[in-house]
């Protein structure tokens, strides 16, 4: 995080970021969540800082909820148009056959 003082007179803009990581199959050891790493690297490179990160677990996986901050109004406003799947070249698939995405359901 930045060592810049809050008293520097610059306005701070905040945004939330939520990401769901499906529960992986049982493994003997941990693993690295590469897509989340790509997203966090992209967020940092876009001008945001991670102010806080919380996790909420569910039976099917974990929600990662981040509070992002920036002192740039331009960076803050560009967040609304950010398509993370396109920008960070993420897959739209997951490894668990037990989780059905909305777009996979028959209507």
N, C-alpha and C. Protein backbone atom coordinates (compact mmCIF):
# COMPACT_ATOMS: atom_id res chain seq x y z
N UNK A 1 0.82 -1.18 0.00
CA UNK A 1 0.00 0.00 0.00
C UNK A 1 0.86 1.24 0.00
N UNK A 2 0.27 2.30 -0.38
CA UNK A 2 0.96 3.57 -0.45
C UNK A 2 1.23 4.09 0.96
N UNK A 3 2.34 4.77 1.09
CA UNK A 3 2.66 5.38 2.38
C UNK A 3 2.14 6.81 2.43
N UNK A 4 1.41 7.23 1.40
CA UNK A 4 0.88 8.59 1.34
C UNK A 4 -0.09 8.82 2.49
N UNK A 5 0.05 9.93 3.12
CA UNK A 5 -0.82 10.27 4.24
C UNK A 5 -2.21 10.63 3.76
N UNK A 6 -3.22 10.23 4.51
CA UNK A 6 -4.60 10.59 4.20
C UNK A 6 -4.75 12.10 4.28
N UNK A 7 -3.93 12.74 5.04
CA UNK A 7 -4.01 14.19 5.21
C UNK A 7 -3.35 14.95 4.07
N UNK A 8 -2.95 14.27 3.03
CA UNK A 8 -2.26 14.94 1.92
C UNK A 8 -3.19 15.86 1.14
N UNK A 9 -4.50 15.81 1.44
CA UNK A 9 -5.44 16.70 0.77
C UNK A 9 -6.06 16.10 -0.47
N UNK A 10 -5.60 14.93 -0.91
CA UNK A 10 -6.18 14.30 -2.09
C UNK A 10 -7.43 13.53 -1.70
N UNK A 11 -8.43 13.61 -2.56
CA UNK A 11 -9.67 12.87 -2.35
C UNK A 11 -9.40 11.39 -2.61
N UNK A 12 -9.96 10.53 -1.76
CA UNK A 12 -9.81 9.09 -1.92
C UNK A 12 -11.12 8.52 -2.45
N UNK A 13 -11.02 7.76 -3.55
CA UNK A 13 -12.18 7.09 -4.14
C UNK A 13 -12.07 5.61 -3.80
N UNK A 14 -13.20 5.01 -3.43
CA UNK A 14 -13.20 3.60 -3.05
C UNK A 14 -14.19 2.82 -3.92
N UNK A 15 -13.86 1.57 -4.17
CA UNK A 15 -14.74 0.67 -4.92
C UNK A 15 -14.59 -0.72 -4.32
N UNK A 16 -15.61 -1.53 -4.47
CA UNK A 16 -15.52 -2.91 -4.00
C UNK A 16 -15.27 -3.83 -5.19
N UNK A 17 -14.69 -4.97 -4.89
CA UNK A 17 -14.43 -5.99 -5.90
C UNK A 17 -14.73 -7.33 -5.26
N UNK A 18 -15.59 -8.12 -5.90
CA UNK A 18 -15.95 -9.43 -5.36
C UNK A 18 -15.60 -10.49 -6.39
N UNK A 19 -15.00 -11.57 -5.92
CA UNK A 19 -14.60 -12.68 -6.79
C UNK A 19 -14.95 -13.98 -6.10
N UNK A 20 -15.51 -14.93 -6.82
CA UNK A 20 -15.87 -16.23 -6.26
C UNK A 20 -14.91 -17.29 -6.80
N UNK A 21 -14.33 -18.05 -5.89
CA UNK A 21 -13.45 -19.15 -6.26
C UNK A 21 -14.17 -20.44 -5.90
N UNK A 22 -14.57 -21.25 -6.90
CA UNK A 22 -15.24 -22.51 -6.59
C UNK A 22 -14.34 -23.44 -5.80
N UNK A 23 -14.94 -24.25 -4.97
CA UNK A 23 -14.17 -25.22 -4.19
C UNK A 23 -13.52 -26.22 -5.14
N UNK A 24 -12.23 -26.44 -4.98
CA UNK A 24 -11.54 -27.40 -5.84
C UNK A 24 -11.78 -28.82 -5.34
N UNK A 25 -11.43 -29.80 -6.16
CA UNK A 25 -11.50 -31.18 -5.67
C UNK A 25 -10.52 -31.36 -4.50
N UNK A 26 -10.76 -32.35 -3.67
CA UNK A 26 -9.85 -32.60 -2.55
C UNK A 26 -8.44 -32.86 -3.06
N UNK A 27 -7.47 -32.26 -2.38
CA UNK A 27 -6.06 -32.40 -2.76
C UNK A 27 -5.24 -32.62 -1.50
N UNK A 28 -4.05 -33.13 -1.68
CA UNK A 28 -3.16 -33.37 -0.54
C UNK A 28 -2.42 -32.11 -0.14
N UNK A 29 -2.34 -31.14 -1.04
CA UNK A 29 -1.63 -29.89 -0.72
C UNK A 29 -2.38 -28.71 -1.32
N UNK A 30 -1.98 -27.53 -0.93
CA UNK A 30 -2.61 -26.32 -1.43
C UNK A 30 -2.27 -26.06 -2.89
N UNK A 31 -2.87 -25.04 -3.44
CA UNK A 31 -2.59 -24.67 -4.82
C UNK A 31 -2.74 -23.16 -4.95
N UNK A 32 -2.20 -22.64 -6.01
CA UNK A 32 -2.26 -21.20 -6.26
C UNK A 32 -3.43 -20.91 -7.19
N UNK A 33 -4.25 -19.92 -6.84
CA UNK A 33 -5.39 -19.51 -7.66
C UNK A 33 -4.88 -18.50 -8.69
N UNK A 34 -4.47 -19.00 -9.84
CA UNK A 34 -3.79 -18.20 -10.85
C UNK A 34 -4.69 -17.09 -11.41
N UNK A 35 -5.97 -17.38 -11.67
CA UNK A 35 -6.83 -16.34 -12.22
C UNK A 35 -7.00 -15.19 -11.25
N UNK A 36 -7.13 -15.47 -9.97
CA UNK A 36 -7.26 -14.38 -9.00
C UNK A 36 -5.97 -13.56 -8.95
N UNK A 37 -4.83 -14.23 -9.07
CA UNK A 37 -3.56 -13.50 -9.11
C UNK A 37 -3.51 -12.55 -10.31
N UNK A 38 -4.00 -13.01 -11.47
CA UNK A 38 -4.04 -12.15 -12.66
C UNK A 38 -4.90 -10.92 -12.41
N UNK A 39 -6.06 -11.15 -11.79
CA UNK A 39 -6.97 -10.04 -11.51
C UNK A 39 -6.33 -9.04 -10.56
N UNK A 40 -5.74 -9.52 -9.48
CA UNK A 40 -5.13 -8.61 -8.50
C UNK A 40 -3.97 -7.83 -9.12
N UNK A 41 -3.17 -8.49 -9.94
CA UNK A 41 -2.06 -7.80 -10.61
C UNK A 41 -2.62 -6.71 -11.53
N UNK A 42 -3.69 -7.02 -12.26
CA UNK A 42 -4.32 -6.03 -13.14
C UNK A 42 -4.90 -4.86 -12.38
N UNK A 43 -5.53 -5.14 -11.24
CA UNK A 43 -6.09 -4.08 -10.41
C UNK A 43 -4.98 -3.14 -9.95
N UNK A 44 -3.88 -3.70 -9.50
CA UNK A 44 -2.77 -2.88 -9.01
C UNK A 44 -2.16 -2.06 -10.15
N UNK A 45 -2.04 -2.68 -11.33
CA UNK A 45 -1.46 -1.98 -12.48
C UNK A 45 -2.39 -0.89 -13.02
N UNK A 46 -3.69 -1.01 -12.74
CA UNK A 46 -4.64 -0.01 -13.24
C UNK A 46 -4.70 1.24 -12.38
N UNK A 47 -4.06 1.23 -11.22
CA UNK A 47 -4.01 2.42 -10.38
C UNK A 47 -4.75 2.29 -9.07
N UNK A 48 -5.38 1.15 -8.83
CA UNK A 48 -6.03 0.92 -7.53
C UNK A 48 -5.04 0.32 -6.55
N UNK A 49 -5.33 0.50 -5.28
CA UNK A 49 -4.61 -0.16 -4.19
C UNK A 49 -5.62 -1.01 -3.44
N UNK A 50 -5.17 -2.12 -2.91
CA UNK A 50 -6.04 -2.97 -2.10
C UNK A 50 -6.00 -2.43 -0.68
N UNK A 51 -7.14 -1.94 -0.21
CA UNK A 51 -7.22 -1.39 1.15
C UNK A 51 -7.55 -2.48 2.16
N UNK A 52 -8.44 -3.40 1.76
CA UNK A 52 -8.86 -4.44 2.69
C UNK A 52 -9.33 -5.65 1.87
N UNK A 53 -9.11 -6.85 2.40
CA UNK A 53 -9.57 -8.08 1.76
C UNK A 53 -10.23 -8.96 2.80
N UNK A 54 -11.46 -9.38 2.50
CA UNK A 54 -12.19 -10.28 3.40
C UNK A 54 -12.57 -11.52 2.63
N UNK A 55 -12.76 -12.61 3.36
CA UNK A 55 -13.20 -13.85 2.75
C UNK A 55 -14.47 -14.33 3.42
N UNK A 56 -15.35 -14.92 2.61
CA UNK A 56 -16.58 -15.52 3.12
C UNK A 56 -16.67 -16.90 2.48
N UNK A 57 -16.70 -17.92 3.29
CA UNK A 57 -16.75 -19.27 2.75
C UNK A 57 -18.18 -19.75 2.59
N UNK A 58 -18.36 -20.63 1.63
CA UNK A 58 -19.65 -21.28 1.42
C UNK A 58 -19.36 -22.76 1.14
N UNK A 59 -20.39 -23.56 1.05
CA UNK A 59 -20.20 -24.99 0.79
C UNK A 59 -19.56 -25.23 -0.58
N UNK A 60 -19.76 -24.30 -1.52
CA UNK A 60 -19.27 -24.49 -2.88
C UNK A 60 -17.97 -23.75 -3.20
N UNK A 61 -17.46 -22.96 -2.25
CA UNK A 61 -16.24 -22.21 -2.53
C UNK A 61 -16.06 -21.06 -1.57
N UNK A 62 -15.38 -20.04 -2.05
CA UNK A 62 -15.06 -18.89 -1.20
C UNK A 62 -15.26 -17.59 -1.99
N UNK A 63 -15.85 -16.61 -1.33
CA UNK A 63 -16.00 -15.28 -1.89
C UNK A 63 -14.85 -14.43 -1.36
N UNK A 64 -14.17 -13.73 -2.26
CA UNK A 64 -13.12 -12.79 -1.88
C UNK A 64 -13.68 -11.40 -2.13
N UNK A 65 -13.73 -10.60 -1.09
CA UNK A 65 -14.32 -9.27 -1.19
C UNK A 65 -13.24 -8.24 -0.86
N UNK A 66 -12.92 -7.44 -1.84
CA UNK A 66 -11.86 -6.46 -1.66
C UNK A 66 -12.40 -5.05 -1.65
N UNK A 67 -11.79 -4.23 -0.83
CA UNK A 67 -12.06 -2.79 -0.84
C UNK A 67 -10.86 -2.14 -1.50
N UNK A 68 -11.11 -1.51 -2.64
CA UNK A 68 -10.06 -0.88 -3.42
C UNK A 68 -10.10 0.62 -3.23
N UNK A 69 -8.95 1.25 -3.38
CA UNK A 69 -8.90 2.70 -3.26
C UNK A 69 -7.96 3.28 -4.30
N UNK A 70 -8.25 4.52 -4.65
CA UNK A 70 -7.39 5.27 -5.55
C UNK A 70 -7.60 6.75 -5.27
N UNK A 71 -6.61 7.54 -5.60
CA UNK A 71 -6.76 8.99 -5.49
C UNK A 71 -7.03 9.61 -6.86
N UNK A 72 -7.15 8.76 -7.88
CA UNK A 72 -7.39 9.23 -9.24
C UNK A 72 -8.86 9.06 -9.62
N UNK A 73 -9.51 10.17 -9.91
CA UNK A 73 -10.91 10.11 -10.33
C UNK A 73 -11.03 9.36 -11.66
N UNK A 74 -10.05 9.53 -12.55
CA UNK A 74 -10.05 8.85 -13.85
C UNK A 74 -10.00 7.33 -13.65
N UNK A 75 -9.15 6.85 -12.76
CA UNK A 75 -9.06 5.42 -12.48
C UNK A 75 -10.37 4.92 -11.89
N UNK A 76 -10.92 5.67 -10.95
CA UNK A 76 -12.17 5.28 -10.30
C UNK A 76 -13.31 5.18 -11.31
N UNK A 77 -13.43 6.14 -12.20
CA UNK A 77 -14.51 6.13 -13.18
C UNK A 77 -14.32 5.06 -14.23
N UNK A 78 -13.10 4.67 -14.53
CA UNK A 78 -12.86 3.62 -15.52
C UNK A 78 -13.26 2.25 -14.98
N UNK A 79 -13.38 2.10 -13.67
CA UNK A 79 -13.75 0.83 -13.05
C UNK A 79 -15.12 0.37 -13.52
N UNK A 80 -16.04 1.27 -13.78
CA UNK A 80 -17.40 0.91 -14.19
C UNK A 80 -17.40 0.23 -15.55
N UNK A 81 -16.42 0.52 -16.39
CA UNK A 81 -16.38 -0.07 -17.72
C UNK A 81 -15.42 -1.26 -17.81
N UNK A 82 -14.89 -1.70 -16.70
CA UNK A 82 -13.88 -2.75 -16.69
C UNK A 82 -14.53 -4.12 -16.83
N UNK A 83 -14.20 -4.83 -17.90
CA UNK A 83 -14.65 -6.20 -18.09
C UNK A 83 -13.47 -7.09 -17.75
N UNK A 84 -13.47 -7.66 -16.54
CA UNK A 84 -12.29 -8.39 -16.08
C UNK A 84 -12.00 -9.63 -16.91
N UNK A 85 -13.01 -10.29 -17.43
CA UNK A 85 -12.74 -11.49 -18.22
C UNK A 85 -11.98 -11.16 -19.50
N UNK A 86 -12.35 -10.07 -20.15
CA UNK A 86 -11.64 -9.67 -21.35
C UNK A 86 -10.27 -9.08 -21.03
N UNK A 87 -10.25 -8.18 -20.07
CA UNK A 87 -9.00 -7.48 -19.76
C UNK A 87 -7.90 -8.40 -19.26
N UNK A 88 -8.26 -9.36 -18.42
CA UNK A 88 -7.24 -10.23 -17.84
C UNK A 88 -7.20 -11.61 -18.50
N UNK A 89 -7.94 -11.78 -19.60
CA UNK A 89 -7.94 -13.01 -20.38
C UNK A 89 -8.24 -14.23 -19.51
N UNK A 90 -9.33 -14.12 -18.75
CA UNK A 90 -9.73 -15.20 -17.86
C UNK A 90 -10.63 -16.18 -18.59
N UNK A 91 -10.64 -17.40 -18.09
CA UNK A 91 -11.53 -18.39 -18.68
C UNK A 91 -12.93 -18.21 -18.12
N UNK A 92 -13.92 -18.67 -18.85
CA UNK A 92 -15.30 -18.64 -18.38
C UNK A 92 -15.71 -20.03 -17.89
N UNK A 93 -14.74 -20.89 -17.71
CA UNK A 93 -15.04 -22.25 -17.28
C UNK A 93 -14.41 -22.51 -15.93
N UNK A 94 -14.83 -23.55 -15.29
CA UNK A 94 -14.29 -23.93 -14.00
C UNK A 94 -14.08 -25.43 -14.00
N UNK A 95 -13.37 -25.93 -13.01
CA UNK A 95 -13.01 -27.35 -13.00
C UNK A 95 -14.02 -28.24 -12.29
N UNK A 96 -14.99 -27.67 -11.61
CA UNK A 96 -15.93 -28.48 -10.84
C UNK A 96 -17.21 -28.72 -11.63
N UNK A 97 -17.55 -29.99 -11.92
CA UNK A 97 -18.80 -30.26 -12.64
C UNK A 97 -20.03 -30.05 -11.76
N UNK A 98 -19.84 -29.88 -10.46
CA UNK A 98 -20.95 -29.69 -9.53
C UNK A 98 -21.50 -28.27 -9.55
N UNK A 99 -20.73 -27.32 -10.08
CA UNK A 99 -21.14 -25.93 -10.10
C UNK A 99 -21.65 -25.59 -11.49
N UNK A 100 -22.88 -25.10 -11.55
CA UNK A 100 -23.49 -24.73 -12.83
C UNK A 100 -23.58 -23.21 -12.88
N UNK A 101 -22.95 -22.64 -13.88
CA UNK A 101 -23.00 -21.19 -14.05
C UNK A 101 -24.34 -20.79 -14.64
N UNK A 102 -24.78 -19.56 -14.38
CA UNK A 102 -26.07 -19.09 -14.87
C UNK A 102 -26.24 -19.28 -16.37
N UNK A 103 -25.17 -18.97 -17.12
CA UNK A 103 -25.29 -19.06 -18.58
C UNK A 103 -25.34 -20.50 -19.08
N UNK A 104 -25.04 -21.49 -18.22
CA UNK A 104 -25.09 -22.89 -18.60
C UNK A 104 -26.46 -23.52 -18.34
N UNK A 105 -27.31 -22.85 -17.60
CA UNK A 105 -28.61 -23.41 -17.25
C UNK A 105 -29.56 -23.28 -18.42
N UNK A 106 -30.40 -24.27 -18.59
CA UNK A 106 -31.46 -24.21 -19.60
C UNK A 106 -32.57 -23.33 -19.10
N UNK A 107 -33.05 -22.46 -19.94
CA UNK A 107 -34.13 -21.55 -19.54
C UNK A 107 -35.47 -22.11 -19.94
